[in-house]
């Protein structure tokens, strides 16, 4: 009787262990697939500018289709974390001219007046005008109320009333800085054990790995493992990863 009871208890323990190991294996798969998807999305988000924006020398530009006033145009740009375009030189002006598509656009440039007379022009960032690309005979401040500057379809500039709704606008903002995967800070991920296999994702976003290791119960804060080492698995994605300097895991290669 005692032998049968011992065998029954052993079977129950084995059955329970297999069930727990099966759940652990599913956890491993779930975590791995989530990490792979995160890397895939990261690799697909390498464009420096948002959709429908054009990139030029470290900046992003949006050319609107609707028309509105100068102030409303600046608000639209601010909503996109941008500002009306500031033209810094001939190269940038050439880029803008090539993309006018036969339309006129507000620039981020306004007149500075003193006692009703135009004393100069200032960009929306507070910097005074240095480079200019005026149309012939401009700026003429017609009727003493042309305080804003727009770009004609030819690329040449013209001063105009700020409340005019005849033109679209160009927004500008800095392109997002793309950090190479190798320069990313290591991000430790949870380690999961299934059937005595320790599965881990190596630090870094350019590669992922399942490698062999052993662990003890004292390391339960980081690992749930058995004492026996396990066989290395195959690379999951990307090139081999260099072990992190602080890692205690042996490199299977």
Protein backbone atom coordinates (compact mmCIF):
# COMPACT_ATOMS: atom_id res chain seq x y z
CA UNK A 1 0.00 0.00 0.00
CA UNK A 2 2.75 2.40 0.90
CA UNK A 3 4.47 1.69 -2.43
CA UNK A 4 1.25 2.31 -4.37
CA UNK A 5 0.65 5.53 -2.46
CA UNK A 6 4.18 6.69 -3.19
CA UNK A 7 3.77 5.90 -6.89
CA UNK A 8 0.43 7.72 -7.02
CA UNK A 9 1.95 10.75 -5.32
CA UNK A 10 4.87 10.66 -7.75
CA UNK A 11 2.49 10.52 -10.73
CA UNK A 12 0.56 13.50 -9.38
CA UNK A 13 3.76 15.49 -8.94
CA UNK A 14 4.94 14.63 -12.44
CA UNK A 15 1.56 15.55 -13.93
CA UNK A 16 1.53 18.85 -12.05
CA UNK A 17 5.11 19.57 -13.09
CA UNK A 18 4.33 18.89 -16.74
CA UNK A 19 1.31 21.19 -16.62
CA UNK A 20 3.32 23.99 -15.05
CA UNK A 21 6.14 23.49 -17.54
CA UNK A 22 3.65 23.65 -20.41
CA UNK A 23 2.32 26.97 -19.15
CA UNK A 24 5.89 28.22 -18.80
CA UNK A 25 6.66 27.25 -22.37
CA UNK A 26 3.69 29.26 -23.61
CA UNK A 27 4.92 32.23 -21.58
CA UNK A 28 8.29 31.93 -23.30
CA UNK A 29 6.69 31.92 -26.72
CA UNK A 30 4.44 34.87 -25.87
CA UNK A 31 7.31 37.00 -24.59
CA UNK A 32 9.53 36.13 -27.53
CA UNK A 33 6.88 36.97 -30.13
CA UNK A 34 6.11 40.27 -28.41
CA UNK A 35 9.78 41.21 -28.45
CA UNK A 36 10.13 40.23 -32.11
CA UNK A 37 7.13 42.37 -33.01
CA UNK A 38 8.58 45.32 -31.08
CA UNK A 39 11.81 45.06 -33.05
CA UNK A 40 9.89 44.77 -36.32
CA UNK A 41 7.92 47.92 -35.56
CA UNK A 42 11.08 49.74 -34.53
CA UNK A 43 12.80 48.78 -37.77
CA UNK A 44 9.79 50.03 -39.74
CA UNK A 45 9.76 53.44 -38.04
CA UNK A 46 13.09 54.64 -39.37
CA UNK A 47 11.71 57.53 -41.44
CA UNK A 48 12.94 60.92 -40.12
CA UNK A 49 9.72 62.74 -41.11
CA UNK A 50 6.01 61.98 -40.64
CA UNK A 51 3.89 60.72 -43.51
CA UNK A 52 3.06 63.48 -46.06
CA UNK A 53 6.04 65.59 -44.90
CA UNK A 54 9.11 66.13 -47.08
CA UNK A 55 12.65 65.81 -45.76
CA UNK A 56 15.48 68.21 -46.57
CA UNK A 57 18.83 68.64 -44.79
CA UNK A 58 17.68 67.63 -41.32
CA UNK A 59 14.25 69.27 -41.39
CA UNK A 60 10.73 68.17 -42.29
CA UNK A 61 8.36 70.30 -44.38
CA UNK A 62 4.61 70.15 -44.81
CA UNK A 63 3.01 71.88 -47.82
CA UNK A 64 -0.70 72.46 -47.18
CA UNK A 65 -3.51 72.22 -49.70
CA UNK A 66 -6.14 74.34 -47.87
CA UNK A 67 -5.76 78.13 -47.70
CA UNK A 68 -6.07 80.30 -44.60
CA UNK A 69 -4.78 83.42 -42.83
CA UNK A 70 -1.20 83.79 -41.62
CA UNK A 71 -2.16 83.42 -37.93
CA UNK A 72 -4.31 80.34 -38.57
CA UNK A 73 -1.47 78.83 -40.60
CA UNK A 74 0.93 79.31 -37.71
CA UNK A 75 -1.59 77.63 -35.39
CA UNK A 76 -1.85 74.65 -37.74
CA UNK A 77 1.92 74.29 -37.65
CA UNK A 78 2.03 74.58 -33.86
CA UNK A 79 -0.54 71.78 -33.61
CA UNK A 80 1.98 69.61 -35.46
CA UNK A 81 4.84 70.66 -33.13
CA UNK A 82 6.23 72.80 -35.96
CA UNK A 83 6.29 76.43 -37.12
CA UNK A 84 5.83 78.33 -40.36
CA UNK A 85 8.89 77.79 -42.51
CA UNK A 86 12.06 79.79 -41.87
CA UNK A 87 14.15 80.06 -45.03
CA UNK A 88 17.82 79.96 -44.14
CA UNK A 89 19.51 80.22 -47.51
CA UNK A 90 19.51 79.62 -51.24
CA UNK A 91 19.64 75.81 -51.01
CA UNK A 92 16.57 75.67 -48.80
CA UNK A 93 14.84 78.23 -51.01
CA UNK A 94 15.52 76.03 -54.03
CA UNK A 95 13.97 73.05 -52.27
CA UNK A 96 10.85 75.07 -51.46
CA UNK A 97 10.56 76.44 -55.00
CA UNK A 98 10.73 72.93 -56.45
CA UNK A 99 7.77 71.89 -54.33
CA UNK A 100 5.36 74.83 -54.73
CA UNK A 101 3.21 72.82 -57.19
CA UNK A 102 1.87 76.06 -58.66
CA UNK A 103 0.57 77.38 -55.33
CA UNK A 104 1.38 80.24 -52.97
CA UNK A 105 2.32 79.65 -49.33
CA UNK A 106 2.73 81.67 -46.16
CA UNK A 107 6.26 81.92 -44.78
CA UNK A 108 7.18 82.39 -41.12
CA UNK A 109 8.16 86.01 -41.75
CA UNK A 110 6.51 89.23 -40.54
CA UNK A 111 7.17 92.94 -40.77
CA UNK A 112 8.55 94.88 -37.81
CA UNK A 113 6.95 98.31 -37.62
CA UNK A 114 7.82 101.48 -35.77
CA UNK A 115 5.47 104.46 -35.83
CA UNK A 116 3.52 102.75 -38.58
CA UNK A 117 6.49 102.21 -40.89
CA UNK A 118 8.18 98.92 -41.73
CA UNK A 119 11.63 98.86 -40.16
CA UNK A 120 12.55 95.34 -41.18
CA UNK A 121 11.38 91.73 -41.11
CA UNK A 122 11.64 89.03 -38.47
CA UNK A 123 11.20 85.26 -38.54
CA UNK A 124 8.86 83.50 -36.12
CA UNK A 125 11.87 82.41 -34.04
CA UNK A 126 12.76 86.07 -33.39
CA UNK A 127 15.74 86.19 -35.77
CA UNK A 128 15.97 89.19 -38.10
CA UNK A 129 15.87 88.64 -41.85
CA UNK A 130 19.25 88.16 -43.54
CA UNK A 131 18.69 85.98 -46.63
CA UNK A 132 15.78 87.13 -48.85
CA UNK A 133 14.22 86.16 -52.17
CA UNK A 134 11.83 89.02 -52.96
CA UNK A 135 9.84 89.33 -56.16
CA UNK A 136 10.64 92.39 -58.24
CA UNK A 137 9.22 95.53 -56.62
CA UNK A 138 8.62 93.80 -53.29
CA UNK A 139 8.14 94.38 -50.46
CA UNK A 140 5.98 97.41 -51.20
CA UNK A 141 3.69 97.47 -48.12
CA UNK A 142 0.65 98.37 -50.21
CA UNK A 143 -1.88 100.45 -48.28
CA UNK A 144 0.38 100.22 -45.26
CA UNK A 145 -1.07 96.89 -44.13
CA UNK A 146 1.07 94.15 -45.68
CA UNK A 147 2.66 92.78 -42.53
CA UNK A 148 3.10 89.14 -43.53
CA UNK A 149 5.18 87.44 -46.21
CA UNK A 150 4.16 84.68 -48.60
CA UNK A 151 5.95 82.78 -51.34
CA UNK A 152 4.54 82.95 -54.85
CA UNK A 153 4.28 79.84 -57.04
CA UNK A 154 7.53 81.00 -58.65
CA UNK A 155 9.32 80.78 -55.30
CA UNK A 156 9.73 84.55 -55.07
CA UNK A 157 8.50 86.38 -51.98
CA UNK A 158 5.72 88.93 -51.64
CA UNK A 159 4.39 90.90 -48.69
CA UNK A 160 0.63 90.59 -48.15
CA UNK A 161 -2.10 91.39 -45.59
CA UNK A 162 -1.96 88.84 -42.78
CA UNK A 163 -5.73 88.27 -42.93
CA UNK A 164 -5.63 87.19 -46.57
CA UNK A 165 -6.97 83.70 -47.20
CA UNK A 166 -5.55 83.27 -50.68
CA UNK A 167 -2.56 81.10 -49.76
CA UNK A 168 -1.64 77.82 -48.14
CA UNK A 169 1.24 77.41 -45.71
CA UNK A 170 4.49 75.53 -45.20
CA UNK A 171 5.30 74.06 -41.79
CA UNK A 172 8.84 73.18 -40.74
CA UNK A 173 10.28 71.15 -37.88
CA UNK A 174 13.46 69.28 -37.13
CA UNK A 175 13.63 65.71 -38.35
CA UNK A 176 13.64 63.11 -35.58
CA UNK A 177 17.06 61.81 -34.61
CA UNK A 178 17.40 58.16 -35.57
CA UNK A 179 19.60 56.25 -33.13
CA UNK A 180 21.43 53.25 -34.61
CA UNK A 181 20.34 50.02 -32.90
CA UNK A 182 23.89 49.43 -31.65
CA UNK A 183 23.75 52.71 -29.74
CA UNK A 184 20.56 51.90 -27.85
CA UNK A 185 20.80 51.37 -24.11
CA UNK A 186 20.41 47.75 -23.05
CA UNK A 187 16.91 47.01 -21.88
CA UNK A 188 16.72 43.96 -19.59
CA UNK A 189 13.73 41.73 -20.24
CA UNK A 190 12.15 39.13 -18.01
CA UNK A 191 13.68 35.67 -18.11
CA UNK A 192 11.35 32.72 -18.27
CA UNK A 193 12.10 29.04 -17.73
CA UNK A 194 10.28 26.12 -19.28
CA UNK A 195 11.23 22.43 -19.01
CA UNK A 196 14.53 23.45 -17.48
CA UNK A 197 15.30 25.76 -20.42
CA UNK A 198 16.28 29.31 -19.61
CA UNK A 199 15.09 31.57 -22.41
CA UNK A 200 16.23 35.17 -22.54
CA UNK A 201 16.39 38.08 -24.93
CA UNK A 202 19.85 39.58 -25.14
CA UNK A 203 20.25 43.36 -24.65
CA UNK A 204 20.10 45.53 -27.76
CA UNK A 205 17.45 46.10 -30.40
CA UNK A 206 19.29 44.78 -33.45
CA UNK A 207 19.36 41.14 -32.46
CA UNK A 208 17.56 38.65 -30.29
CA UNK A 209 18.78 35.43 -28.91
CA UNK A 210 17.93 32.30 -26.97
CA UNK A 211 20.96 30.97 -25.14
CA UNK A 212 21.97 28.35 -22.60
CA UNK A 213 22.55 29.02 -18.96
CA UNK A 214 22.14 27.59 -15.50
CA UNK A 215 20.67 29.19 -12.46
CA UNK A 216 19.86 28.58 -8.82
CA UNK A 217 16.90 29.32 -6.59
CA UNK A 218 18.87 32.17 -5.01
CA UNK A 219 18.60 34.03 -8.33
CA UNK A 220 14.83 33.88 -8.34
CA UNK A 221 14.57 37.64 -8.64
CA UNK A 222 16.02 37.34 -12.14
CA UNK A 223 15.57 33.73 -13.20
CA UNK A 224 13.35 30.78 -12.53
CA UNK A 225 15.64 27.92 -13.32
CA UNK A 226 16.81 24.47 -12.46
CA UNK A 227 20.39 23.62 -11.64
CA UNK A 228 21.21 21.78 -14.81
CA UNK A 229 22.56 23.65 -17.82
CA UNK A 230 20.58 23.52 -21.06
CA UNK A 231 21.44 23.28 -24.71
CA UNK A 232 21.73 26.48 -26.73
CA UNK A 233 18.95 27.28 -29.15
CA UNK A 234 19.11 28.93 -32.58
CA UNK A 235 19.33 32.65 -33.28
CA UNK A 236 15.83 34.10 -33.35
CA UNK A 237 16.49 37.28 -35.34
CA UNK A 238 19.41 39.36 -36.59
CA UNK A 239 23.17 38.88 -36.24
CA UNK A 240 24.86 37.41 -33.15
CA UNK A 241 24.68 39.66 -30.13
CA UNK A 242 27.71 40.72 -28.18
CA UNK A 243 27.19 39.85 -24.50
CA UNK A 244 26.44 42.77 -22.28
CA UNK A 245 29.45 43.77 -20.11
CA UNK A 246 27.49 43.12 -16.93
CA UNK A 247 26.03 39.80 -18.07
CA UNK A 248 26.94 36.61 -16.21
CA UNK A 249 25.69 34.34 -19.01
CA UNK A 250 28.19 32.37 -21.03
CA UNK A 251 28.25 32.99 -24.77
CA UNK A 252 27.35 29.71 -26.51
CA UNK A 253 29.39 30.68 -29.55
